[in-house]
Amino acid sequence: MKILITAPYHQKGQNELTGWFGEVLYRPWKLQERAYTETELIQLLQATEADALITEHDPVTATVIEACPNLRFIGVCRGTPSNVAVATATEKGIPVFNTPARNAQAVAELFIANLITLMRNTLAAVRWLEGGNWAAGAHTSYLQFKGNEIAGKTIGMVGFGAVGQTIANLVRHFPTRILYYDPYYTSDDPYFEKTDLETVFKTSDVVSIHLPVNEQTSGLIDRNVLSLMKPDAIFVNTARAVVVNREDLLAVLENGNIRGAILDVFDHEPPDSLDYRLIHRDDVLATPHIAGATFEVEDHHVAILNQALHDFFVGDKQKIRHLVNPAVLQEKES
């Protein structure tokens, strides 16, 4: 098998694939500082005569799959394979693998860092200091920038997958109380309290969103639940922007209904004028979609995907959690 890899993939991971499957062709998108286009990807797949593809950001559309219908598999170095036409791949009998939890630790660490930064008024204090406002003998900074601790707070998770669980397992030791809403998962750990969506928003000092994008979640977080938050509560979204109605979020911030927000994702990237109204607010700590941007994340996705490919093809363990479209197994059995 000849595998084309356009995702970042370290040499050890490439060597493992070579040993198991035969040949690896490494053409990472980073060399051109952008994802391959649909046309470029088709040309690259056809020119290299690749039998399989491992991608990260490239658009593996229905057109790409139709042009290369004999691919043995598509590996996606992302938690959600939103750049792949999974339905078309399934129709062609092509297994699609993903790498859930590759960025869970990275997102969790930035969540904690940004939460502390907002709660302790750190950025405003830094600007004050850099502005030369520290007068001799004054205690202005101690009084003006006094903040809050995470310890003793209630953290509410909307969605309790890998990222939410990683955050919860870290912040529980501050200590905190952890509530979560997730209709598809129930934790075995009694420390984490499963409840309904409204209770999470009513009760929590911090509400953190960890939802995938689908028909049920798009626009789910709106004025109805945001209006339930406590006046001193903080809203956090490091998941996907479209699950939150940004007009409703902006309204609760402008009306002073909540303390503030921490945002890493936006409806438009780069942002439009309404996104910038959120970004420029003093009560919003905004970062440019970097919650999962660590060098270690690339190591994680190689380890997760290589293990999945080994289990599926070499170990012949066909029913694995990293197979996005298990319907391809039914096609084989029939």
Protein backbone atom coordinates (compact mmCIF):
# COMPACT_ATOMS: atom_id res chain seq x y z
CA MET A 1 0.00 0.00 0.00
CA LYS A 2 1.18 3.51 -0.84
CA ILE A 3 0.04 6.13 1.70
CA LEU A 4 0.03 9.85 0.91
CA ILE A 5 0.37 11.94 4.07
CA THR A 6 -0.47 15.65 3.88
CA ALA A 7 -0.89 16.06 7.65
CA PRO A 8 2.06 16.89 9.92
CA TYR A 9 3.56 13.47 10.74
CA HIS A 10 6.84 12.82 12.51
CA GLN A 11 9.44 10.46 11.11
CA LYS A 12 8.90 7.72 13.67
CA GLY A 13 5.22 7.60 12.76
CA GLN A 14 6.06 7.46 9.05
CA ASN A 15 8.53 4.64 9.67
CA GLU A 16 5.88 2.62 11.49
CA LEU A 17 3.48 2.98 8.58
CA THR A 18 6.20 2.01 6.11
CA GLY A 19 6.92 -1.14 8.09
CA TRP A 20 3.26 -2.13 8.20
CA PHE A 21 2.00 -1.06 4.77
CA GLY A 22 4.90 -0.57 2.36
CA GLU A 23 5.43 3.03 1.26
CA VAL A 24 4.80 6.53 2.60
CA LEU A 25 4.79 9.73 0.54
CA TYR A 26 5.06 12.81 2.77
CA ARG A 27 3.71 16.09 1.34
CA PRO A 28 2.61 18.12 4.41
CA TRP A 29 0.36 21.11 3.87
CA LYS A 30 2.60 23.19 6.14
CA LEU A 31 5.25 23.49 3.43
CA GLN A 32 2.90 25.78 1.49
CA GLU A 33 1.36 27.27 4.66
CA ARG A 34 -2.18 26.39 3.56
CA ALA A 35 -4.30 23.35 2.92
CA TYR A 36 -4.32 21.80 -0.52
CA THR A 37 -7.28 22.80 -2.65
CA GLU A 38 -9.71 20.22 -3.99
CA THR A 39 -8.03 20.28 -7.41
CA GLU A 40 -4.51 20.13 -5.96
CA LEU A 41 -5.41 17.19 -3.78
CA ILE A 42 -6.86 15.23 -6.70
CA GLN A 43 -3.78 15.93 -8.79
CA LEU A 44 -1.48 14.89 -5.95
CA LEU A 45 -3.36 11.66 -5.25
CA GLN A 46 -3.44 10.72 -8.91
CA ALA A 47 0.16 11.71 -9.64
CA THR A 48 1.50 9.70 -6.70
CA GLU A 49 -0.88 6.79 -7.38
CA ALA A 50 -1.60 6.71 -3.65
CA ASP A 51 -3.73 3.91 -2.23
CA ALA A 52 -4.58 5.79 0.97
CA LEU A 53 -4.63 9.32 2.38
CA ILE A 54 -3.81 10.80 5.77
CA THR A 55 -4.93 14.43 5.96
CA GLU A 56 -5.55 17.20 8.46
CA HIS A 57 -7.13 20.29 6.91
CA ASP A 58 -7.39 19.47 3.19
CA PRO A 59 -10.94 19.33 1.74
CA VAL A 60 -11.53 15.67 0.96
CA THR A 61 -14.78 16.41 -0.82
CA ALA A 62 -17.14 14.12 -2.70
CA THR A 63 -15.38 15.29 -5.87
CA VAL A 64 -12.00 14.19 -4.51
CA ILE A 65 -13.35 10.81 -3.46
CA GLU A 66 -15.14 10.28 -6.77
CA ALA A 67 -11.86 11.00 -8.56
CA CYS A 68 -10.01 8.50 -6.32
CA PRO A 69 -12.61 5.81 -5.52
CA ASN A 70 -10.07 3.04 -4.85
CA LEU A 71 -8.54 4.52 -1.71
CA ARG A 72 -8.05 1.84 0.93
CA PHE A 73 -8.65 4.33 3.75
CA ILE A 74 -8.75 8.02 4.69
CA GLY A 75 -7.16 9.05 7.98
CA VAL A 76 -8.13 12.43 9.42
CA CYS A 77 -5.86 14.00 12.04
CA ARG A 78 -8.75 15.80 13.71
CA GLY A 79 -11.32 15.00 16.34
CA THR A 80 -14.21 15.71 13.96
CA PRO A 81 -13.65 14.78 10.28
CA SER A 82 -15.59 17.82 9.08
CA ASN A 83 -13.30 18.27 6.05
CA VAL A 84 -14.15 14.81 4.67
CA ALA A 85 -17.25 13.76 2.73
CA VAL A 86 -17.81 10.77 4.99
CA ALA A 87 -21.08 9.75 3.31
CA THR A 88 -19.38 9.52 -0.08
CA ALA A 89 -16.47 7.59 1.40
CA THR A 90 -18.94 5.15 2.95
CA GLU A 91 -20.71 4.69 -0.39
CA LYS A 92 -17.35 3.78 -1.93
CA GLY A 93 -16.52 1.41 0.91
CA ILE A 94 -13.61 3.56 2.12
CA PRO A 95 -13.00 3.47 5.89
CA VAL A 96 -12.49 6.89 7.49
CA PHE A 97 -10.48 7.13 10.72
CA ASN A 98 -10.20 10.13 13.04
CA THR A 99 -8.11 11.11 16.06
CA PRO A 100 -10.46 12.14 18.87
CA ALA A 101 -8.80 13.59 21.95
CA ARG A 102 -5.60 14.53 20.12
CA ASN A 103 -5.91 18.10 21.45
CA ALA A 104 -7.71 17.42 24.73
CA GLN A 105 -4.72 18.25 26.95
CA ALA A 106 -3.87 21.35 24.93
CA VAL A 107 -7.41 22.73 25.12
CA ALA A 108 -7.66 21.89 28.81
CA GLU A 109 -4.45 23.73 29.66
CA LEU A 110 -5.47 26.86 27.75
CA PHE A 111 -8.90 26.73 29.36
CA ILE A 112 -7.27 26.88 32.79
CA ALA A 113 -4.74 29.53 31.74
CA ASN A 114 -7.37 31.82 30.24
CA LEU A 115 -9.83 31.27 33.06
CA ILE A 116 -7.24 32.30 35.63
CA THR A 117 -6.22 35.24 33.44
CA LEU A 118 -9.79 36.54 33.24
CA MET A 119 -10.71 35.84 36.84
CA ARG A 120 -7.54 37.52 38.16
CA ASN A 121 -7.83 40.56 35.84
CA THR A 122 -4.30 39.82 34.65
CA LEU A 123 -4.40 41.52 31.25
CA ALA A 124 -5.81 44.77 32.63
CA ALA A 125 -3.16 44.72 35.37
CA VAL A 126 -0.37 44.21 32.82
CA ARG A 127 -1.64 47.12 30.72
CA TRP A 128 -1.83 49.28 33.87
CA LEU A 129 1.75 48.40 34.79
CA GLU A 130 3.09 48.97 31.28
CA GLY A 131 1.31 52.33 31.26
CA GLY A 132 3.50 53.58 34.11
CA ASN A 133 0.60 53.95 36.55
CA TRP A 134 2.37 52.59 39.64
CA ALA A 135 2.82 55.57 41.97
CA ALA A 136 5.17 55.46 44.94
CA GLY A 137 3.57 54.04 48.05
CA ALA A 138 0.23 53.41 46.35
CA HIS A 139 -1.78 50.21 46.75
CA THR A 140 -3.93 50.94 43.69
CA SER A 141 -3.05 47.75 41.86
CA TYR A 142 -3.79 45.54 44.88
CA LEU A 143 -7.24 47.08 45.22
CA GLN A 144 -8.10 47.66 41.56
CA PHE A 145 -7.14 44.25 40.17
CA LYS A 146 -8.16 41.97 42.98
CA GLY A 147 -9.72 38.89 41.42
CA ASN A 148 -11.12 35.47 42.22
CA GLU A 149 -9.80 31.95 42.63
CA ILE A 150 -11.00 28.89 40.73
CA ALA A 151 -11.07 26.91 43.98
CA GLY A 152 -14.57 26.48 45.33
CA LYS A 153 -16.31 27.35 42.08
CA THR A 154 -18.83 25.24 40.17
CA ILE A 155 -17.70 24.42 36.63
CA GLY A 156 -20.42 23.37 34.18
CA MET A 157 -19.62 21.40 31.04
CA VAL A 158 -21.97 21.35 28.07
CA GLY A 159 -20.82 18.18 26.34
CA PHE A 160 -18.63 15.77 28.26
CA GLY A 161 -16.37 14.16 25.71
CA ALA A 162 -12.59 13.89 25.79
CA VAL A 163 -11.92 17.62 26.18
CA GLY A 164 -14.58 18.18 28.82
CA GLN A 165 -13.41 15.18 30.81
CA THR A 166 -9.76 16.24 30.61
CA ILE A 167 -10.63 19.71 31.90
CA ALA A 168 -12.80 18.25 34.64
CA ASN A 169 -10.07 15.89 35.82
CA LEU A 170 -7.67 18.82 36.11
CA VAL A 171 -9.89 21.44 37.74
CA ARG A 172 -11.43 19.00 40.22
CA HIS A 173 -8.20 19.27 42.20
CA PHE A 174 -8.40 23.03 42.75
CA PRO A 175 -10.98 21.86 44.06
CA THR A 176 -14.18 22.59 42.16
CA ARG A 177 -17.63 21.12 41.78
CA ILE A 178 -18.21 19.67 38.29
CA LEU A 179 -21.63 19.58 36.60
CA TYR A 180 -22.13 18.31 33.07
CA TYR A 181 -24.85 18.00 30.46
CA ASP A 182 -24.40 15.26 27.86
CA PRO A 183 -27.36 13.17 26.66
CA TYR A 184 -25.05 10.57 25.11
CA TYR A 185 -22.61 9.90 27.93
CA THR A 186 -22.73 9.14 31.64
CA SER A 187 -19.52 9.14 33.66
CA ASP A 188 -18.71 6.29 36.02
CA ASP A 189 -17.07 8.81 38.36
CA PRO A 190 -19.59 9.98 41.00
CA TYR A 191 -17.59 13.19 41.48
CA PHE A 192 -18.98 14.46 38.17
CA GLU A 193 -22.67 15.34 38.42
CA LYS A 194 -24.81 14.74 35.35
CA THR A 195 -27.73 17.13 35.02
CA ASP A 196 -29.85 18.97 32.47
CA LEU A 197 -28.78 21.92 30.31
CA GLU A 198 -30.77 24.49 32.25
CA THR A 199 -29.26 23.44 35.58
CA VAL A 200 -25.75 23.76 34.19
CA PHE A 201 -26.43 27.35 33.16
CA LYS A 202 -28.34 28.30 36.32
CA THR A 203 -25.90 26.81 38.81
CA SER A 204 -22.40 27.15 37.37
CA ASP A 205 -19.88 29.90 38.00
CA VAL A 206 -18.22 28.91 34.73
CA VAL A 207 -20.05 27.37 31.78
CA SER A 208 -17.78 25.73 29.20
CA ILE A 209 -18.98 24.52 25.80
CA HIS A 210 -17.66 21.24 24.33
CA LEU A 211 -20.15 20.34 21.63
CA PRO A 212 -19.71 18.93 18.13
CA VAL A 213 -21.52 20.56 15.22
CA ASN A 214 -24.66 18.82 14.03
CA GLU A 215 -28.35 19.57 13.47
CA GLN A 216 -29.10 19.25 17.18
CA THR A 217 -26.29 21.51 18.43
CA SER A 218 -26.18 24.34 15.88
CA GLY A 219 -27.48 27.43 17.66
CA LEU A 220 -28.35 25.39 20.77
CA ILE A 221 -26.74 27.93 23.11
CA ASP A 222 -29.02 30.92 22.80
CA ARG A 223 -30.71 33.62 24.86
CA ASN A 224 -32.95 31.05 26.57
CA VAL A 225 -30.04 29.40 28.37
CA LEU A 226 -27.59 32.31 28.45
CA SER A 227 -30.17 34.37 30.35
CA LEU A 228 -30.12 31.75 33.11
CA MET A 229 -26.48 32.42 34.01
CA LYS A 230 -25.52 34.09 37.28
CA PRO A 231 -24.43 37.75 37.06
CA ASP A 232 -20.86 36.88 38.05
CA ALA A 233 -20.61 33.79 35.81
CA ILE A 234 -18.16 33.32 32.94
CA PHE A 235 -19.00 31.77 29.58
CA VAL A 236 -16.31 29.78 27.72
CA ASN A 237 -16.36 28.44 24.16
CA THR A 238 -13.32 26.57 22.82
CA ALA A 239 -15.44 24.16 20.74
CA ARG A 240 -17.30 25.50 17.68
CA ALA A 241 -18.76 28.96 17.18
CA VAL A 242 -21.93 27.86 15.39
CA VAL A 243 -23.29 26.07 18.45
CA VAL A 244 -23.68 29.50 20.08
CA ASN A 245 -25.98 32.28 18.89
CA ARG A 246 -23.42 35.10 18.89
CA GLU A 247 -26.05 37.86 18.81
CA ASP A 248 -27.55 36.46 22.01
CA LEU A 249 -24.11 36.13 23.63
CA LEU A 250 -23.26 39.71 22.68
CA ALA A 251 -26.57 40.89 24.14
CA VAL A 252 -26.01 39.30 27.56
CA LEU A 253 -22.51 40.79 27.66
CA GLU A 254 -23.60 44.28 26.58
CA ASN A 255 -26.43 44.22 29.09
CA GLY A 256 -24.04 43.23 31.88
CA ASN A 257 -25.94 40.03 32.60
CA ILE A 258 -22.75 37.97 33.08
CA ARG A 259 -19.21 38.74 34.18
CA GLY A 260 -17.51 37.92 30.89
CA ALA A 261 -16.59 35.39 28.24
CA ILE A 262 -13.57 33.45 27.00
CA LEU A 263 -13.74 32.72 23.28
CA ASP A 264 -11.38 30.85 20.97
CA VAL A 265 -13.75 30.30 18.03
CA PHE A 266 -15.79 32.69 15.92
CA ASP A 267 -18.55 32.52 13.34
CA HIS A 268 -16.19 33.89 10.74
CA GLU A 269 -12.45 33.21 10.69
CA PRO A 270 -11.07 35.73 9.97
CA PRO A 271 -13.67 37.59 12.05
CA ASP A 272 -16.32 39.90 10.65
CA SER A 273 -17.50 43.14 12.27
CA LEU A 274 -19.90 41.42 14.68
CA ASP A 275 -17.21 38.98 15.80
CA TYR A 276 -14.94 41.96 16.47
CA ARG A 277 -17.62 43.55 18.65
CA LEU A 278 -17.20 40.53 20.89
CA ILE A 279 -13.42 40.40 20.58
CA HIS A 280 -12.86 44.05 21.48
CA ARG A 281 -14.91 43.98 24.67
CA ASP A 282 -13.00 44.43 27.94
CA ASP A 283 -14.97 41.58 29.52
CA VAL A 284 -14.02 39.14 26.75
CA LEU A 285 -10.72 37.28 26.56
CA ALA A 286 -10.44 36.23 22.92
CA THR A 287 -7.79 34.05 21.27
CA PRO A 288 -7.48 33.25 17.53
CA HIS A 289 -8.52 29.57 17.50
CA ILE A 290 -5.33 28.36 19.19
CA ALA A 291 -6.71 26.22 22.03
CA GLY A 292 -5.52 23.07 20.29
CA ALA A 293 -2.34 24.55 18.83
CA THR A 294 0.58 22.83 20.52
CA PHE A 295 3.49 20.92 19.05
CA GLU A 296 2.52 17.95 21.18
CA VAL A 297 -0.89 17.70 19.49
CA GLU A 298 0.84 16.52 16.32
CA ASP A 299 2.58 13.78 18.29
CA HIS A 300 -0.76 12.76 19.78
CA HIS A 301 -2.55 12.48 16.44
CA VAL A 302 0.24 10.32 14.99
CA ALA A 303 0.06 7.94 17.96
CA ILE A 304 -3.74 7.73 17.88
CA LEU A 305 -4.05 7.22 14.13
CA ASN A 306 -1.17 4.76 13.83
CA GLN A 307 -2.66 2.65 16.62
CA ALA A 308 -6.05 2.70 14.90
CA LEU A 309 -4.59 1.70 11.52
CA HIS A 310 -2.52 -1.06 13.10
CA ASP A 311 -5.52 -2.43 15.00
CA PHE A 312 -7.77 -2.32 11.94
CA PHE A 313 -5.49 -3.58 9.19
CA VAL A 314 -2.66 -5.45 10.90
CA GLY A 315 -4.47 -6.71 13.98
CA ASP A 316 -7.73 -7.18 12.04
CA LYS A 317 -9.73 -5.64 14.88
CA GLN A 318 -12.36 -4.08 12.67
CA LYS A 319 -14.68 -2.67 15.34
CA ILE A 320 -12.63 0.18 16.79
CA ARG A 321 -13.79 3.53 18.16
CA HIS A 322 -11.69 5.56 15.74
CA LEU A 323 -13.57 4.27 12.70
CA VAL A 324 -15.90 7.11 11.76
CA ASN A 325 -18.07 5.14 9.33
CA PRO A 326 -18.61 1.61 10.70
CA ALA A 327 -21.23 1.13 7.98
CA VAL A 328 -18.36 0.14 5.66
CA LEU A 329 -18.05 -3.05 7.72
CA GLN A 330 -21.63 -3.95 6.96
CA GLU A 331 -20.91 -3.46 3.27
CA LYS A 332 -18.00 -5.91 3.51
CA GLU A 333 -20.04 -8.47 5.42
CA SER A 334 -22.88 -8.33 2.91
